[in-house]
Amino acid sequence: DNPSSSVDPTRTPAPTPSTMALHENMTLNTGAR
């Protein structure tokens, strides 16, 4: 119902990561985990 929400095929997409995995850990150098 909303054409503005569809994907524009002419838009340059965001760069796809070159690595196999997108991986991020949230840890501190101190304290338990």
PDB file of all heavy atoms in Angstrom:
ATOM      1  N   ASP A   1       0.804  -1.212   0.000  1.00  0.00           N
ATOM      2  CA  ASP A   1       0.000   0.000   0.000  1.00  0.00           C
ATOM      3  C   ASP A   1       0.838   1.263   0.000  1.00  0.00           C
ATOM      4  O   ASP A   1       0.313   2.352  -0.216  1.00  0.00           O
ATOM      5  CB  ASP A   1      -0.912   0.015   1.238  1.00  0.00           C
ATOM      6  CG  ASP A   1      -1.987  -1.055   1.136  1.00  0.00           C
ATOM      7  OD1 ASP A   1      -2.219  -1.560   0.013  1.00  0.00           O
ATOM      8  OD2 ASP A   1      -2.577  -1.383   2.175  1.00  0.00           O
ATOM      9  N   ASN A   2       2.113   1.147   0.298  1.00  0.00           N
ATOM     10  CA  ASN A   2       2.962   2.326   0.425  1.00  0.00           C
ATOM     11  C   ASN A   2       4.164   2.186  -0.487  1.00  0.00           C
ATOM     12  O   ASN A   2       5.155   1.588  -0.110  1.00  0.00           O
ATOM     13  CB  ASN A   2       3.411   2.491   1.884  1.00  0.00           C
ATOM     14  CG  ASN A   2       4.260   3.724   2.084  1.00  0.00           C
ATOM     15  OD1 ASN A   2       4.397   4.540   1.172  1.00  0.00           O
ATOM     16  ND2 ASN A   2       4.824   3.852   3.272  1.00  0.00           N
ATOM     17  N   PRO A   3       4.092   2.722  -1.720  1.00  0.00           N
ATOM     18  CA  PRO A   3       5.195   2.539  -2.659  1.00  0.00           C
ATOM     19  C   PRO A   3       6.513   3.091  -2.142  1.00  0.00           C
ATOM     20  O   PRO A   3       7.571   2.598  -2.491  1.00  0.00           O
ATOM     21  CB  PRO A   3       4.713   3.316  -3.907  1.00  0.00           C
ATOM     22  CG  PRO A   3       3.228   3.400  -3.772  1.00  0.00           C
ATOM     23  CD  PRO A   3       2.965   3.453  -2.299  1.00  0.00           C
ATOM     24  N   SER A   4       6.445   4.097  -1.270  1.00  0.00           N
ATOM     25  CA  SER A   4       7.694   4.696  -0.791  1.00  0.00           C
ATOM     26  C   SER A   4       8.477   3.755   0.090  1.00  0.00           C
ATOM     27  O   SER A   4       9.663   3.971   0.348  1.00  0.00           O
ATOM     28  CB  SER A   4       7.382   5.979  -0.009  1.00  0.00           C
ATOM     29  OG  SER A   4       6.636   5.687   1.156  1.00  0.00           O
ATOM     30  N   SER A   5       7.837   2.677   0.591  1.00  0.00           N
ATOM     31  CA  SER A   5       8.544   1.753   1.473  1.00  0.00           C
ATOM     32  C   SER A   5       9.242   0.641   0.710  1.00  0.00           C
ATOM     33  O   SER A   5       9.966  -0.146   1.293  1.00  0.00           O
ATOM     34  CB  SER A   5       7.556   1.127   2.468  1.00  0.00           C
ATOM     35  OG  SER A   5       6.693   0.232   1.791  1.00  0.00           O
ATOM     36  N   SER A   6       9.020   0.544  -0.597  1.00  0.00           N
ATOM     37  CA  SER A   6       9.638  -0.533  -1.361  1.00  0.00           C
ATOM     38  C   SER A   6      11.101  -0.243  -1.620  1.00  0.00           C
ATOM     39  O   SER A   6      11.547   0.890  -1.567  1.00  0.00           O
ATOM     40  CB  SER A   6       8.901  -0.720  -2.692  1.00  0.00           C
ATOM     41  OG  SER A   6       9.000   0.455  -3.459  1.00  0.00           O
ATOM     42  N   VAL A   7      11.870  -1.283  -1.895  1.00  0.00           N
ATOM     43  CA  VAL A   7      13.299  -1.141  -2.147  1.00  0.00           C
ATOM     44  C   VAL A   7      13.523  -0.491  -3.503  1.00  0.00           C
ATOM     45  O   VAL A   7      12.963  -0.915  -4.512  1.00  0.00           O
ATOM     46  CB  VAL A   7      13.986  -2.516  -2.098  1.00  0.00           C
ATOM     47  CG1 VAL A   7      15.456  -2.376  -2.473  1.00  0.00           C
ATOM     48  CG2 VAL A   7      13.851  -3.121  -0.718  1.00  0.00           C
ATOM     49  N   ASP A   8      14.301   0.554  -3.532  1.00  0.00           N
ATOM     50  CA  ASP A   8      14.660   1.226  -4.775  1.00  0.00           C
ATOM     51  C   ASP A   8      15.837   0.473  -5.395  1.00  0.00           C
ATOM     52  O   ASP A   8      16.937   0.490  -4.852  1.00  0.00           O
ATOM     53  CB  ASP A   8      15.030   2.682  -4.487  1.00  0.00           C
ATOM     54  CG  ASP A   8      15.431   3.441  -5.750  1.00  0.00           C
ATOM     55  OD1 ASP A   8      15.432   2.824  -6.838  1.00  0.00           O
ATOM     56  OD2 ASP A   8      15.739   4.629  -5.631  1.00  0.00           O
ATOM     57  N   PRO A   9      15.649  -0.212  -6.549  1.00  0.00           N
ATOM     58  CA  PRO A   9      16.738  -1.011  -7.115  1.00  0.00           C
ATOM     59  C   PRO A   9      17.910  -0.168  -7.598  1.00  0.00           C
ATOM     60  O   PRO A   9      18.988  -0.686  -7.839  1.00  0.00           O
ATOM     61  CB  PRO A   9      16.057  -1.746  -8.279  1.00  0.00           C
ATOM     62  CG  PRO A   9      14.874  -0.902  -8.631  1.00  0.00           C
ATOM     63  CD  PRO A   9      14.413  -0.291  -7.347  1.00  0.00           C
ATOM     64  N   THR A  10      17.695   1.153  -7.747  1.00  0.00           N
ATOM     65  CA  THR A  10      18.792   2.018  -8.196  1.00  0.00           C
ATOM     66  C   THR A  10      19.625   2.530  -7.042  1.00  0.00           C
ATOM     67  O   THR A  10      20.673   3.143  -7.251  1.00  0.00           O
ATOM     68  CB  THR A  10      18.235   3.222  -8.972  1.00  0.00           C
ATOM     69  OG1 THR A  10      17.464   4.050  -8.083  1.00  0.00           O
ATOM     70  CG2 THR A  10      17.359   2.771 -10.125  1.00  0.00           C
ATOM     71  N   ARG A  11      19.149   2.334  -5.808  1.00  0.00           N
ATOM     72  CA  ARG A  11      19.886   2.842  -4.653  1.00  0.00           C
ATOM     73  C   ARG A  11      21.128   1.994  -4.402  1.00  0.00           C
ATOM     74  O   ARG A  11      21.072   0.770  -4.434  1.00  0.00           O
ATOM     75  CB  ARG A  11      19.007   2.832  -3.406  1.00  0.00           C
ATOM     76  CG  ARG A  11      19.710   3.420  -2.176  1.00  0.00           C
ATOM     77  CD  ARG A  11      18.852   3.264  -0.935  1.00  0.00           C
ATOM     78  NE  ARG A  11      17.599   3.993  -1.040  1.00  0.00           N
ATOM     79  CZ  ARG A  11      17.490   5.286  -0.805  1.00  0.00           C
ATOM     80  NH1 ARG A  11      18.545   5.990  -0.478  1.00  0.00           N
ATOM     81  NH2 ARG A  11      16.319   5.886  -0.904  1.00  0.00           N
ATOM     82  N   THR A  12      22.233   2.646  -4.130  1.00  0.00           N
ATOM     83  CA  THR A  12      23.461   1.918  -3.820  1.00  0.00           C
ATOM     84  C   THR A  12      23.331   1.280  -2.444  1.00  0.00           C
ATOM     85  O   THR A  12      23.113   1.985  -1.459  1.00  0.00           O
ATOM     86  CB  THR A  12      24.673   2.860  -3.831  1.00  0.00           C
ATOM     87  OG1 THR A  12      24.768   3.470  -5.109  1.00  0.00           O
ATOM     88  CG2 THR A  12      25.945   2.084  -3.521  1.00  0.00           C
ATOM     89  N   PRO A  13      23.415  -0.041  -2.342  1.00  0.00           N
ATOM     90  CA  PRO A  13      23.251  -0.669  -1.039  1.00  0.00           C
ATOM     91  C   PRO A  13      24.447  -0.404  -0.125  1.00  0.00           C
ATOM     92  O   PRO A  13      25.517  -0.011  -0.569  1.00  0.00           O
ATOM     93  CB  PRO A  13      23.153  -2.162  -1.387  1.00  0.00           C
ATOM     94  CG  PRO A  13      23.924  -2.292  -2.660  1.00  0.00           C
ATOM     95  CD  PRO A  13      23.682  -1.012  -3.408  1.00  0.00           C
ATOM     96  N   ALA A  14      24.221  -0.608   1.176  1.00  0.00           N
ATOM     97  CA  ALA A  14      25.331  -0.501   2.120  1.00  0.00           C
ATOM     98  C   ALA A  14      26.347  -1.595   1.816  1.00  0.00           C
ATOM     99  O   ALA A  14      25.992  -2.664   1.322  1.00  0.00           O
ATOM    100  CB  ALA A  14      24.811  -0.664   3.548  1.00  0.00           C
ATOM    101  N   PRO A  15      27.616  -1.329   2.078  1.00  0.00           N
ATOM    102  CA  PRO A  15      28.634  -2.348   1.792  1.00  0.00           C
ATOM    103  C   PRO A  15      28.366  -3.630   2.575  1.00  0.00           C
ATOM    104  O   PRO A  15      28.114  -3.592   3.774  1.00  0.00           O
ATOM    105  CB  PRO A  15      29.943  -1.676   2.259  1.00  0.00           C
ATOM    106  CG  PRO A  15      29.649  -0.218   2.281  1.00  0.00           C
ATOM    107  CD  PRO A  15      28.194  -0.097   2.622  1.00  0.00           C
ATOM    108  N   THR A  16      28.381  -4.753   1.897  1.00  0.00           N
ATOM    109  CA  THR A  16      28.261  -6.034   2.571  1.00  0.00           C
ATOM    110  C   THR A  16      29.609  -6.386   3.189  1.00  0.00           C
ATOM    111  O   THR A  16      30.642  -6.244   2.549  1.00  0.00           O
ATOM    112  CB  THR A  16      27.858  -7.130   1.572  1.00  0.00           C
ATOM    113  OG1 THR A  16      26.590  -6.798   1.019  1.00  0.00           O
ATOM    114  CG2 THR A  16      27.766  -8.484   2.254  1.00  0.00           C
ATOM    115  N   PRO A  17      29.621  -6.823   4.455  1.00  0.00           N
ATOM    116  CA  PRO A  17      30.909  -7.157   5.075  1.00  0.00           C
ATOM    117  C   PRO A  17      31.677  -8.182   4.260  1.00  0.00           C
ATOM    118  O   PRO A  17      31.092  -9.094   3.667  1.00  0.00           O
ATOM    119  CB  PRO A  17      30.505  -7.723   6.447  1.00  0.00           C
ATOM    120  CG  PRO A  17      29.148  -7.150   6.711  1.00  0.00           C
ATOM    121  CD  PRO A  17      28.493  -7.021   5.381  1.00  0.00           C
ATOM    122  N   SER A  18      32.978  -8.038   4.205  1.00  0.00           N
ATOM    123  CA  SER A  18      33.808  -8.982   3.458  1.00  0.00           C
ATOM    124  C   SER A  18      34.099 -10.235   4.267  1.00  0.00           C
ATOM    125  O   SER A  18      34.484 -11.262   3.715  1.00  0.00           O
ATOM    126  CB  SER A  18      35.127  -8.315   3.054  1.00  0.00           C
ATOM    127  OG  SER A  18      35.837  -7.869   4.203  1.00  0.00           O
ATOM    128  N   THR A  19      33.920 -10.169   5.581  1.00  0.00           N
ATOM    129  CA  THR A  19      34.222 -11.304   6.445  1.00  0.00           C
ATOM    130  C   THR A  19      33.063 -12.293   6.492  1.00  0.00           C
ATOM    131  O   THR A  19      31.909 -11.933   6.251  1.00  0.00           O
ATOM    132  CB  THR A  19      34.530 -10.821   7.871  1.00  0.00           C
ATOM    133  OG1 THR A  19      33.413 -10.053   8.350  1.00  0.00           O
ATOM    134  CG2 THR A  19      35.773  -9.949   7.884  1.00  0.00           C
ATOM    135  N   MET A  20      33.387 -13.533   6.786  1.00  0.00           N
ATOM    136  CA  MET A  20      32.394 -14.587   6.856  1.00  0.00           C
ATOM    137  C   MET A  20      31.365 -14.316   7.949  1.00  0.00           C
ATOM    138  O   MET A  20      30.175 -14.591   7.780  1.00  0.00           O
ATOM    139  CB  MET A  20      33.080 -15.926   7.128  1.00  0.00           C
ATOM    140  CG  MET A  20      32.122 -17.095   7.265  1.00  0.00           C
ATOM    141  SD  MET A  20      31.392 -17.571   5.698  1.00  0.00           S
ATOM    142  CE  MET A  20      32.783 -18.445   4.981  1.00  0.00           C
ATOM    143  N   ALA A  21      31.805 -13.746   9.083  1.00  0.00           N
ATOM    144  CA  ALA A  21      30.915 -13.539  10.220  1.00  0.00           C
ATOM    145  C   ALA A  21      30.981 -12.090  10.683  1.00  0.00           C
ATOM    146  O   ALA A  21      32.042 -11.470  10.672  1.00  0.00           O
ATOM    147  CB  ALA A  21      31.318 -14.468  11.370  1.00  0.00           C
ATOM    148  N   LEU A  22      29.827 -11.565  11.060  1.00  0.00           N
ATOM    149  CA  LEU A  22      29.746 -10.270  11.738  1.00  0.00           C
ATOM    150  C   LEU A  22      29.595 -10.594  13.215  1.00  0.00           C
ATOM    151  O   LEU A  22      28.559 -11.096  13.649  1.00  0.00           O
ATOM    152  CB  LEU A  22      28.560  -9.474  11.211  1.00  0.00           C
ATOM    153  CG  LEU A  22      28.471  -8.003  11.600  1.00  0.00           C
ATOM    154  CD1 LEU A  22      29.710  -7.239  11.137  1.00  0.00           C
ATOM    155  CD2 LEU A  22      27.212  -7.378  10.991  1.00  0.00           C
ATOM    156  N   HIS A  23      30.636 -10.321  13.995  1.00  0.00           N
ATOM    157  CA  HIS A  23      30.750 -10.892  15.332  1.00  0.00           C
ATOM    158  C   HIS A  23      31.257  -9.823  16.291  1.00  0.00           C
ATOM    159  O   HIS A  23      32.295  -9.212  16.058  1.00  0.00           O
ATOM    160  CB  HIS A  23      31.741 -12.062  15.280  1.00  0.00           C
ATOM    161  CG  HIS A  23      31.926 -12.789  16.579  1.00  0.00           C
ATOM    162  ND1 HIS A  23      33.151 -13.270  16.989  1.00  0.00           N
ATOM    163  CD2 HIS A  23      31.054 -13.130  17.560  1.00  0.00           C
ATOM    164  CE1 HIS A  23      33.022 -13.876  18.145  1.00  0.00           C
ATOM    165  NE2 HIS A  23      31.751 -13.805  18.518  1.00  0.00           N
ATOM    166  N   GLU A  24      30.497  -9.557  17.356  1.00  0.00           N
ATOM    167  CA  GLU A  24      30.892  -8.522  18.311  1.00  0.00           C
ATOM    168  C   GLU A  24      30.553  -8.979  19.723  1.00  0.00           C
ATOM    169  O   GLU A  24      29.419  -9.382  20.008  1.00  0.00           O
ATOM    170  CB  GLU A  24      30.169  -7.205  18.016  1.00  0.00           C
ATOM    171  CG  GLU A  24      30.593  -6.047  18.900  1.00  0.00           C
ATOM    172  CD  GLU A  24      32.008  -5.564  18.623  1.00  0.00           C
ATOM    173  OE1 GLU A  24      32.461  -5.700  17.472  1.00  0.00           O
ATOM    174  OE2 GLU A  24      32.660  -5.061  19.555  1.00  0.00           O
ATOM    175  N   ASN A  25      31.550  -8.910  20.613  1.00  0.00           N
ATOM    176  CA  ASN A  25      31.344  -9.240  22.015  1.00  0.00           C
ATOM    177  C   ASN A  25      31.402  -7.979  22.862  1.00  0.00           C
ATOM    178  O   ASN A  25      32.215  -7.090  22.597  1.00  0.00           O
ATOM    179  CB  ASN A  25      32.413 -10.218  22.506  1.00  0.00           C
ATOM    180  CG  ASN A  25      32.136 -11.636  22.056  1.00  0.00           C
ATOM    181  OD1 ASN A  25      30.990 -12.079  22.068  1.00  0.00           O
ATOM    182  ND2 ASN A  25      33.166 -12.353  21.649  1.00  0.00           N
ATOM    183  N   MET A  26      30.539  -7.908  23.868  1.00  0.00           N
ATOM    184  CA  MET A  26      30.541  -6.774  24.776  1.00  0.00           C
ATOM    185  C   MET A  26      31.158  -7.214  26.099  1.00  0.00           C
ATOM    186  O   MET A  26      30.487  -7.771  26.962  1.00  0.00           O
ATOM    187  CB  MET A  26      29.123  -6.241  24.996  1.00  0.00           C
ATOM    188  CG  MET A  26      29.095  -4.968  25.826  1.00  0.00           C
ATOM    189  SD  MET A  26      27.438  -4.313  26.016  1.00  0.00           S
ATOM    190  CE  MET A  26      27.086  -3.915  24.308  1.00  0.00           C
ATOM    191  N   THR A  27      32.458  -6.979  26.230  1.00  0.00           N
ATOM    192  CA  THR A  27      33.160  -7.386  27.443  1.00  0.00           C
ATOM    193  C   THR A  27      34.074  -6.270  27.920  1.00  0.00           C
ATOM    194  O   THR A  27      34.563  -5.459  27.138  1.00  0.00           O
ATOM    195  CB  THR A  27      34.007  -8.648  27.201  1.00  0.00           C
ATOM    196  OG1 THR A  27      34.918  -8.408  26.115  1.00  0.00           O
ATOM    197  CG2 THR A  27      33.140  -9.840  26.868  1.00  0.00           C
ATOM    198  N   LEU A  28      34.280  -6.243  29.228  1.00  0.00           N
ATOM    199  CA  LEU A  28      35.225  -5.326  29.854  1.00  0.00           C
ATOM    200  C   LEU A  28      36.503  -6.090  30.190  1.00  0.00           C
ATOM    201  O   LEU A  28      36.523  -7.316  30.247  1.00  0.00           O
ATOM    202  CB  LEU A  28      34.621  -4.732  31.128  1.00  0.00           C
ATOM    203  CG  LEU A  28      33.312  -3.950  30.965  1.00  0.00           C
ATOM    204  CD1 LEU A  28      32.743  -3.586  32.329  1.00  0.00           C
ATOM    205  CD2 LEU A  28      33.537  -2.703  30.137  1.00  0.00           C
ATOM    206  N   ASN A  29      37.567  -5.333  30.436  1.00  0.00           N
ATOM    207  CA  ASN A  29      38.831  -5.965  30.805  1.00  0.00           C
ATOM    208  C   ASN A  29      38.872  -6.376  32.271  1.00  0.00           C
ATOM    209  O   ASN A  29      39.829  -6.984  32.721  1.00  0.00           O
ATOM    210  CB  ASN A  29      39.998  -5.026  30.512  1.00  0.00           C
ATOM    211  CG  ASN A  29      40.228  -4.850  29.025  1.00  0.00           C
ATOM    212  OD1 ASN A  29      39.830  -5.690  28.231  1.00  0.00           O
ATOM    213  ND2 ASN A  29      40.842  -3.749  28.650  1.00  0.00           N
ATOM    214  N   THR A  30      37.838  -5.994  33.014  1.00  0.00           N
ATOM    215  CA  THR A  30      37.747  -6.368  34.424  1.00  0.00           C
ATOM    216  C   THR A  30      36.354  -6.934  34.686  1.00  0.00           C
ATOM    217  O   THR A  30      35.421  -6.709  33.916  1.00  0.00           O
ATOM    218  CB  THR A  30      37.980  -5.159  35.337  1.00  0.00           C
ATOM    219  OG1 THR A  30      37.008  -4.146  35.035  1.00  0.00           O
ATOM    220  CG2 THR A  30      39.373  -4.588  35.142  1.00  0.00           C
ATOM    221  N   GLY A  31      36.223  -7.656  35.790  1.00  0.00           N
ATOM    222  CA  GLY A  31      34.930  -8.208  36.150  1.00  0.00           C
ATOM    223  C   GLY A  31      34.666  -9.540  35.491  1.00  0.00           C
ATOM    224  O   GLY A  31      35.337  -9.944  34.541  1.00  0.00           O
ATOM    225  N   ALA A  32      33.654 -10.228  35.997  1.00  0.00           N
ATOM    226  CA  ALA A  32      33.306 -11.562  35.484  1.00  0.00           C
ATOM    227  C   ALA A  32      32.543 -11.446  34.173  1.00  0.00           C
ATOM    228  O   ALA A  32      32.022 -10.382  33.815  1.00  0.00           O
ATOM    229  CB  ALA A  32      32.472 -12.305  36.519  1.00  0.00           C
ATOM    230  N   ARG A  33      32.468 -12.545  33.452  1.00  0.00           N
ATOM    231  CA  ARG A  33      31.716 -12.580  32.201  1.00  0.00           C
ATOM    232  C   ARG A  33      31.197 -13.992  31.970  1.00  0.00           C
ATOM    233  O   ARG A  33      31.638 -14.950  32.625  1.00  0.00           O
ATOM    234  CB  ARG A  33      32.583 -12.149  31.025  1.00  0.00           C
ATOM    235  CG  ARG A  33      33.734 -13.096  30.717  1.00  0.00           C
ATOM    236  CD  ARG A  33      34.575 -12.677  29.514  1.00  0.00           C
ATOM    237  NE  ARG A  33      35.337 -11.461  29.731  1.00  0.00           N
ATOM    238  CZ  ARG A  33      36.375 -11.088  28.981  1.00  0.00           C
ATOM    239  NH1 ARG A  33      36.753 -11.847  27.964  1.00  0.00           N
ATOM    240  NH2 ARG A  33      37.031  -9.982  29.241  1.00  0.00           N
TER     241      ARG A  33
END
